Protein backbone atom coordinates (compact mmCIF):
# COMPACT_ATOMS: atom_id res chain seq x y z
CA MET A 1 -13.09 15.91 -6.74
CA THR A 2 -10.36 13.40 -7.60
CA PHE A 3 -7.77 15.69 -6.03
CA TYR A 4 -9.63 15.74 -2.72
CA ILE A 5 -10.03 11.97 -2.68
CA THR A 6 -6.33 11.53 -3.41
CA MET A 7 -5.32 13.98 -0.70
CA ALA A 8 -7.64 12.34 1.85
CA ALA A 9 -6.18 8.91 1.06
CA THR A 10 -2.63 10.26 1.30
CA ILE A 11 -3.21 12.00 4.61
CA SER A 12 -4.97 9.00 6.11
CA SER A 13 -2.14 6.74 4.93
CA ILE A 14 0.46 8.96 6.58
CA VAL A 15 -1.54 9.08 9.81
CA MET A 16 -1.92 5.30 9.74
CA LEU A 17 1.82 4.79 9.18
CA VAL A 18 2.74 7.14 12.03
CA TRP A 19 0.19 5.52 14.35
CA PHE A 20 1.34 1.97 13.60
CA ALA A 21 5.04 2.86 13.57
CA ALA A 22 4.86 4.44 17.01
CA GLY A 23 5.01 1.07 18.72
CA SER A 24 8.04 -1.16 18.95
CA ASN A 25 6.27 -4.10 17.31
CA PRO A 26 7.59 -4.63 13.74
CA TRP A 27 4.46 -6.56 12.79
CA ARG A 28 2.39 -3.40 13.24
CA LEU A 29 4.71 -1.59 10.84
CA LEU A 30 4.31 -4.40 8.32
CA VAL A 31 0.53 -4.13 8.59
CA ALA A 32 0.74 -0.38 8.01
CA TYR A 33 3.00 -0.89 4.99
CA SER A 34 0.61 -3.45 3.54
CA ALA A 35 -2.42 -1.21 4.14
CA ILE A 36 -0.77 1.77 2.48
CA SER A 37 0.31 -0.36 -0.47
CA THR A 38 -3.24 -1.63 -0.85
CA ARG A 39 -4.56 1.93 -0.87
CA LEU A 40 -2.03 2.87 -3.54
CA LEU A 41 -3.15 -0.10 -5.61
CA ILE A 42 -6.78 0.96 -5.29
CA GLY A 43 -5.72 4.47 -6.33
CA ILE A 44 -3.96 3.10 -9.41
CA ILE A 45 -7.07 1.14 -10.37
CA PHE A 46 -9.19 4.27 -9.81
CA ILE A 47 -6.88 6.26 -12.09
CA GLU A 48 -7.24 3.58 -14.75
CA MET A 49 -11.02 3.79 -14.55
CA VAL A 50 -11.00 7.57 -14.80
CA THR A 51 -8.41 7.96 -17.57
CA SER A 52 -9.13 4.77 -19.55
CA VAL A 53 -5.44 4.23 -20.28
CA ASP A 54 -4.64 0.62 -21.14
CA PHE A 55 -1.15 0.21 -19.67
CA VAL A 56 -2.21 1.29 -16.18
CA SER A 57 -3.71 -2.15 -15.54
CA SER A 58 -0.30 -3.69 -16.26
CA VAL A 59 1.29 -1.30 -13.77
CA ALA A 60 -1.38 -2.20 -11.19
CA LEU A 61 -0.75 -5.92 -11.71
CA LEU A 62 3.01 -5.46 -11.36
CA PHE A 63 2.50 -3.36 -8.23
CA LEU A 64 0.21 -6.04 -6.76
CA ILE A 65 2.79 -8.77 -7.38
CA LEU A 66 5.62 -6.70 -5.89
CA ASN A 67 3.53 -5.67 -2.89
CA THR A 68 2.42 -9.21 -2.11
CA SER A 69 5.86 -10.72 -2.52
CA GLY A 70 7.49 -7.96 -0.46
CA THR A 71 5.02 -8.45 2.36
CA ILE A 72 5.50 -12.22 2.32
CA ILE A 73 9.29 -11.91 2.32
CA ALA A 74 9.24 -9.38 5.16
CA ALA A 75 6.88 -11.57 7.20
CA TYR A 76 9.09 -14.60 6.61
CA TYR A 77 12.24 -12.85 7.80
CA MET A 78 10.44 -11.38 10.79
CA GLY A 79 9.20 -14.86 11.70
CA VAL A 80 12.66 -16.39 11.33
CA ARG A 81 14.16 -13.73 13.57
CA ARG A 82 12.04 -14.87 16.55
């Protein structure tokens, strides 16, 4: 069951990235990147709940910090460019 959920999330993330990247607006691509990163974070938390491994929560927290800071930095530079 976990395999099917993971595959559905992966396929929907790829479809979302292709759909948002099709336009010439870089903000849409940033939204797609942020949405995919959020889905990966939810997947990491789901893996922690299923496997009960302690260090996965540290990886999820690090991924959350990197995702948030990367999105903020990208949005800042895209805003400065205008």
